[in-house]
Amino acid sequence: MADEELLTVAEAAKIFRVTLQTIRNWIEWGKLPALRVGRRFLVRREHIEALLDQAQAADGAHATGRDVWDPSVSRLVQPPAAPASASLWDNDSESAPALSPKRG
């Protein structure tokens, strides 16, 4: 067990570049296994590395995203997709609504 490095919640948060509360949430939700020692949690470096590898495999990010409306839902951050444009200034004149002159 000497080769297993244990890190505090603060150290884990620094590695993931997230808040302490995010790490506590991940522990509570089971996303990040931790050992409870008194009132503190300690996280094995191997579990941190595994979560980092999982996040980097998806998109190279170090953190996961969570649903703003349901904090129990956590997912790996995906790269943003190109938004579908519905602008009047698009080149496709058939799909754009016609503008009528203002009368007044």
N, C-alpha and C. Protein backbone atom coordinates (compact mmCIF):
# COMPACT_ATOMS: atom_id res chain seq x y z
N MET A 1 0.82 -1.20 0.00
CA MET A 1 0.00 0.00 0.00
C MET A 1 0.87 1.26 0.00
N ALA A 2 2.17 1.10 0.13
CA ALA A 2 3.06 2.25 0.16
C ALA A 2 3.12 2.96 -1.19
N ASP A 3 2.83 2.22 -2.28
CA ASP A 3 2.90 2.84 -3.61
C ASP A 3 1.61 3.57 -3.99
N GLU A 4 0.57 3.49 -3.14
CA GLU A 4 -0.68 4.19 -3.43
C GLU A 4 -0.66 5.57 -2.80
N GLU A 5 -0.66 6.59 -3.64
CA GLU A 5 -0.64 7.96 -3.15
C GLU A 5 -2.08 8.43 -2.89
N LEU A 6 -2.31 8.98 -1.71
CA LEU A 6 -3.62 9.50 -1.34
C LEU A 6 -3.59 11.02 -1.38
N LEU A 7 -4.58 11.61 -2.00
CA LEU A 7 -4.66 13.06 -2.14
C LEU A 7 -5.90 13.60 -1.43
N THR A 8 -5.81 14.82 -0.97
CA THR A 8 -6.95 15.47 -0.33
C THR A 8 -7.92 15.96 -1.40
N VAL A 9 -9.10 16.36 -0.95
CA VAL A 9 -10.10 16.92 -1.87
C VAL A 9 -9.53 18.17 -2.55
N ALA A 10 -8.82 19.00 -1.80
CA ALA A 10 -8.23 20.22 -2.36
C ALA A 10 -7.21 19.89 -3.44
N GLU A 11 -6.38 18.89 -3.21
CA GLU A 11 -5.38 18.50 -4.21
C GLU A 11 -6.06 17.94 -5.47
N ALA A 12 -7.11 17.15 -5.28
CA ALA A 12 -7.84 16.62 -6.42
C ALA A 12 -8.49 17.74 -7.22
N ALA A 13 -9.08 18.72 -6.51
CA ALA A 13 -9.72 19.85 -7.19
C ALA A 13 -8.71 20.63 -8.02
N LYS A 14 -7.51 20.78 -7.51
CA LYS A 14 -6.47 21.50 -8.25
C LYS A 14 -6.08 20.75 -9.53
N ILE A 15 -6.01 19.44 -9.44
CA ILE A 15 -5.66 18.63 -10.61
C ILE A 15 -6.74 18.75 -11.69
N PHE A 16 -8.02 18.64 -11.28
CA PHE A 16 -9.13 18.70 -12.22
C PHE A 16 -9.51 20.12 -12.63
N ARG A 17 -8.98 21.10 -11.90
CA ARG A 17 -9.31 22.52 -12.15
C ARG A 17 -10.80 22.78 -11.92
N VAL A 18 -11.31 22.24 -10.81
CA VAL A 18 -12.69 22.44 -10.41
C VAL A 18 -12.72 22.86 -8.94
N THR A 19 -13.91 23.18 -8.44
CA THR A 19 -14.03 23.60 -7.05
C THR A 19 -14.00 22.40 -6.11
N LEU A 20 -13.79 22.68 -4.84
CA LEU A 20 -13.81 21.63 -3.82
C LEU A 20 -15.17 20.95 -3.79
N GLN A 21 -16.23 21.75 -3.93
CA GLN A 21 -17.58 21.19 -3.90
C GLN A 21 -17.82 20.23 -5.06
N THR A 22 -17.25 20.51 -6.22
CA THR A 22 -17.40 19.60 -7.35
C THR A 22 -16.79 18.24 -7.01
N ILE A 23 -15.61 18.23 -6.41
CA ILE A 23 -14.97 16.97 -6.02
C ILE A 23 -15.82 16.26 -4.98
N ARG A 24 -16.35 17.00 -4.01
CA ARG A 24 -17.22 16.39 -3.00
C ARG A 24 -18.47 15.79 -3.65
N ASN A 25 -19.03 16.49 -4.63
CA ASN A 25 -20.19 15.97 -5.35
C ASN A 25 -19.84 14.68 -6.09
N TRP A 26 -18.70 14.65 -6.78
CA TRP A 26 -18.27 13.46 -7.50
C TRP A 26 -18.12 12.28 -6.55
N ILE A 27 -17.60 12.54 -5.35
CA ILE A 27 -17.44 11.49 -4.35
C ILE A 27 -18.82 11.00 -3.90
N GLU A 28 -19.71 11.93 -3.61
CA GLU A 28 -21.06 11.58 -3.17
C GLU A 28 -21.81 10.78 -4.23
N TRP A 29 -21.67 11.16 -5.51
CA TRP A 29 -22.37 10.50 -6.60
C TRP A 29 -21.70 9.21 -7.05
N GLY A 30 -20.51 8.91 -6.51
CA GLY A 30 -19.82 7.69 -6.87
C GLY A 30 -18.96 7.80 -8.12
N LYS A 31 -18.79 8.99 -8.65
CA LYS A 31 -17.96 9.18 -9.84
C LYS A 31 -16.47 9.11 -9.51
N LEU A 32 -16.13 9.45 -8.26
CA LEU A 32 -14.74 9.43 -7.82
C LEU A 32 -14.69 8.70 -6.48
N PRO A 33 -14.15 7.47 -6.47
CA PRO A 33 -14.05 6.72 -5.21
C PRO A 33 -13.13 7.45 -4.23
N ALA A 34 -13.47 7.39 -2.94
CA ALA A 34 -12.66 8.05 -1.92
C ALA A 34 -12.72 7.27 -0.62
N LEU A 35 -11.71 7.48 0.20
CA LEU A 35 -11.65 6.90 1.53
C LEU A 35 -12.01 7.98 2.54
N ARG A 36 -12.88 7.63 3.48
CA ARG A 36 -13.23 8.59 4.53
C ARG A 36 -12.35 8.32 5.73
N VAL A 37 -11.62 9.36 6.14
CA VAL A 37 -10.75 9.28 7.31
C VAL A 37 -11.21 10.38 8.25
N GLY A 38 -11.96 10.01 9.28
CA GLY A 38 -12.55 11.01 10.17
C GLY A 38 -13.58 11.81 9.39
N ARG A 39 -13.37 13.11 9.33
CA ARG A 39 -14.28 13.99 8.59
C ARG A 39 -13.75 14.31 7.19
N ARG A 40 -12.59 13.80 6.86
CA ARG A 40 -11.96 14.11 5.57
C ARG A 40 -12.11 12.96 4.59
N PHE A 41 -12.01 13.31 3.32
CA PHE A 41 -11.97 12.31 2.26
C PHE A 41 -10.59 12.34 1.63
N LEU A 42 -10.08 11.16 1.32
CA LEU A 42 -8.82 11.04 0.60
C LEU A 42 -9.09 10.23 -0.67
N VAL A 43 -8.45 10.67 -1.75
CA VAL A 43 -8.68 10.06 -3.06
C VAL A 43 -7.37 9.44 -3.54
N ARG A 44 -7.45 8.22 -4.03
CA ARG A 44 -6.25 7.58 -4.58
C ARG A 44 -5.91 8.20 -5.92
N ARG A 45 -4.62 8.42 -6.12
CA ARG A 45 -4.16 9.01 -7.39
C ARG A 45 -4.59 8.15 -8.57
N GLU A 46 -4.60 6.84 -8.42
CA GLU A 46 -4.99 5.96 -9.53
C GLU A 46 -6.43 6.23 -9.97
N HIS A 47 -7.32 6.59 -9.04
CA HIS A 47 -8.70 6.90 -9.40
C HIS A 47 -8.79 8.25 -10.12
N ILE A 48 -7.95 9.19 -9.70
CA ILE A 48 -7.89 10.49 -10.38
C ILE A 48 -7.39 10.30 -11.80
N GLU A 49 -6.32 9.51 -11.95
CA GLU A 49 -5.76 9.26 -13.28
C GLU A 49 -6.78 8.58 -14.18
N ALA A 50 -7.55 7.64 -13.63
CA ALA A 50 -8.55 6.94 -14.44
C ALA A 50 -9.63 7.90 -14.93
N LEU A 51 -10.09 8.81 -14.06
CA LEU A 51 -11.10 9.77 -14.46
C LEU A 51 -10.53 10.77 -15.46
N LEU A 52 -9.28 11.17 -15.28
CA LEU A 52 -8.63 12.06 -16.25
C LEU A 52 -8.52 11.37 -17.61
N ASP A 53 -8.13 10.10 -17.61
CA ASP A 53 -8.02 9.37 -18.88
C ASP A 53 -9.37 9.28 -19.57
N GLN A 54 -10.41 9.04 -18.80
CA GLN A 54 -11.76 8.96 -19.36
C GLN A 54 -12.17 10.29 -19.99
N ALA A 55 -11.89 11.39 -19.30
CA ALA A 55 -12.24 12.71 -19.82
C ALA A 55 -11.41 13.05 -21.05
N GLN A 56 -10.13 12.75 -21.03
CA GLN A 56 -9.26 13.07 -22.16
C GLN A 56 -9.59 12.22 -23.37
N ALA A 57 -10.09 11.02 -23.16
CA ALA A 57 -10.44 10.16 -24.29
C ALA A 57 -11.59 10.77 -25.09
N ALA A 58 -12.47 11.48 -24.40
CA ALA A 58 -13.63 12.06 -25.09
C ALA A 58 -13.27 13.32 -25.87
N ASP A 59 -12.53 14.24 -25.21
CA ASP A 59 -12.30 15.50 -25.91
C ASP A 59 -11.05 16.26 -25.48
N GLY A 60 -10.21 15.67 -24.67
CA GLY A 60 -9.01 16.35 -24.25
C GLY A 60 -9.21 17.27 -23.06
N ALA A 61 -10.40 17.36 -22.52
CA ALA A 61 -10.65 18.23 -21.36
C ALA A 61 -10.25 17.51 -20.08
N HIS A 62 -10.01 18.28 -19.03
CA HIS A 62 -9.67 17.70 -17.73
C HIS A 62 -10.87 17.60 -16.81
N ALA A 63 -11.96 18.23 -17.13
CA ALA A 63 -13.10 18.25 -16.23
C ALA A 63 -14.34 17.71 -16.92
N THR A 64 -15.29 17.39 -16.10
CA THR A 64 -16.57 16.97 -16.67
C THR A 64 -17.56 18.11 -16.52
N GLY A 65 -18.62 18.05 -17.26
CA GLY A 65 -19.67 19.04 -17.15
C GLY A 65 -20.85 18.46 -16.41
N ARG A 66 -21.67 19.32 -15.82
CA ARG A 66 -22.86 18.83 -15.15
C ARG A 66 -24.06 19.59 -15.65
N ASP A 67 -25.18 18.94 -15.58
CA ASP A 67 -26.43 19.55 -16.00
C ASP A 67 -26.81 20.62 -14.99
N VAL A 68 -27.02 21.84 -15.44
CA VAL A 68 -27.33 22.94 -14.55
C VAL A 68 -28.63 22.70 -13.80
N TRP A 69 -29.60 22.07 -14.44
CA TRP A 69 -30.91 21.87 -13.83
C TRP A 69 -30.96 20.62 -12.98
N ASP A 70 -30.09 19.67 -13.21
CA ASP A 70 -30.06 18.44 -12.42
C ASP A 70 -28.61 18.11 -12.09
N PRO A 71 -28.10 18.60 -10.95
CA PRO A 71 -26.68 18.41 -10.63
C PRO A 71 -26.27 16.96 -10.44
N SER A 72 -27.23 16.05 -10.33
CA SER A 72 -26.86 14.64 -10.20
C SER A 72 -26.44 14.04 -11.54
N VAL A 73 -26.70 14.76 -12.63
CA VAL A 73 -26.32 14.30 -13.96
C VAL A 73 -24.98 14.93 -14.32
N SER A 74 -24.00 14.09 -14.52
CA SER A 74 -22.67 14.55 -14.88
C SER A 74 -22.24 13.81 -16.13
N ARG A 75 -21.55 14.50 -17.02
CA ARG A 75 -21.13 13.89 -18.26
C ARG A 75 -19.79 14.47 -18.67
N LEU A 76 -19.15 13.80 -19.56
CA LEU A 76 -17.92 14.36 -20.11
C LEU A 76 -18.28 15.50 -21.04
N VAL A 77 -17.49 16.53 -21.01
CA VAL A 77 -17.75 17.70 -21.84
C VAL A 77 -17.48 17.34 -23.30
N GLN A 78 -18.43 17.61 -24.16
CA GLN A 78 -18.28 17.34 -25.58
C GLN A 78 -17.96 18.64 -26.31
N PRO A 79 -17.18 18.58 -27.37
CA PRO A 79 -16.90 19.79 -28.13
C PRO A 79 -18.21 20.34 -28.71
N PRO A 80 -18.36 21.65 -28.73
CA PRO A 80 -19.60 22.23 -29.26
C PRO A 80 -19.75 21.95 -30.75
N ALA A 81 -20.96 21.60 -31.13
CA ALA A 81 -21.25 21.35 -32.54
C ALA A 81 -21.52 22.69 -33.22
N ALA A 82 -21.32 22.73 -34.50
CA ALA A 82 -21.59 23.96 -35.25
C ALA A 82 -23.09 24.24 -35.19
N PRO A 83 -23.48 25.43 -34.75
CA PRO A 83 -24.91 25.72 -34.64
C PRO A 83 -25.56 25.85 -36.02
N ALA A 84 -26.79 25.38 -36.10
CA ALA A 84 -27.55 25.54 -37.33
C ALA A 84 -28.00 27.00 -37.39
N SER A 85 -27.73 27.64 -38.47
CA SER A 85 -28.03 29.06 -38.58
C SER A 85 -29.41 29.26 -39.18
N ALA A 86 -30.17 30.17 -38.58
CA ALA A 86 -31.47 30.54 -39.12
C ALA A 86 -31.52 32.05 -39.27
N SER A 87 -30.43 32.60 -39.69
CA SER A 87 -30.30 34.04 -39.81
C SER A 87 -30.91 34.54 -41.11
N LEU A 88 -31.40 35.75 -41.07
CA LEU A 88 -31.91 36.40 -42.28
C LEU A 88 -30.78 36.70 -43.26
N TRP A 89 -29.57 36.69 -42.78
CA TRP A 89 -28.42 37.08 -43.60
C TRP A 89 -27.78 35.88 -44.28
N ASP A 90 -28.32 34.69 -44.08
CA ASP A 90 -27.77 33.51 -44.74
C ASP A 90 -27.94 33.63 -46.25
N ASN A 91 -27.15 32.88 -46.97
CA ASN A 91 -27.20 32.91 -48.44
C ASN A 91 -28.44 32.24 -49.00
N ASP A 92 -29.07 31.38 -48.24
CA ASP A 92 -30.23 30.65 -48.73
C ASP A 92 -31.46 31.55 -48.63
N SER A 93 -31.81 32.22 -49.70
CA SER A 93 -32.91 33.18 -49.67
C SER A 93 -34.28 32.51 -49.63
N GLU A 94 -34.36 31.24 -50.05
CA GLU A 94 -35.65 30.54 -50.04
C GLU A 94 -36.12 30.23 -48.62
N SER A 95 -35.19 29.93 -47.70
CA SER A 95 -35.60 29.55 -46.35
C SER A 95 -35.76 30.77 -45.43
N ALA A 96 -35.25 31.92 -45.84
CA ALA A 96 -35.34 33.10 -45.00
C ALA A 96 -36.71 33.78 -45.23
N PRO A 97 -37.32 34.27 -44.15
CA PRO A 97 -38.61 34.97 -44.31
C PRO A 97 -38.42 36.30 -45.03
N ALA A 98 -39.42 36.64 -45.79
CA ALA A 98 -39.36 37.91 -46.54
C ALA A 98 -39.63 39.07 -45.58
N LEU A 99 -38.90 40.16 -45.79
CA LEU A 99 -39.11 41.36 -44.98
C LEU A 99 -40.04 42.30 -45.73
N SER A 100 -41.03 42.79 -45.03
CA SER A 100 -41.92 43.75 -45.68
C SER A 100 -41.54 45.15 -45.24
N PRO A 101 -41.69 46.13 -46.11
CA PRO A 101 -41.32 47.51 -45.76
C PRO A 101 -42.23 48.03 -44.64
N LYS A 102 -41.68 48.84 -43.80
CA LYS A 102 -42.43 49.43 -42.70
C LYS A 102 -43.29 50.57 -43.24
N ARG A 103 -44.55 50.55 -42.90
CA ARG A 103 -45.45 51.61 -43.35
C ARG A 103 -45.77 52.49 -42.15
N GLY A 104 -45.87 53.70 -42.37
CA GLY A 104 -46.18 54.48 -41.21
C GLY A 104 -46.39 55.87 -41.45
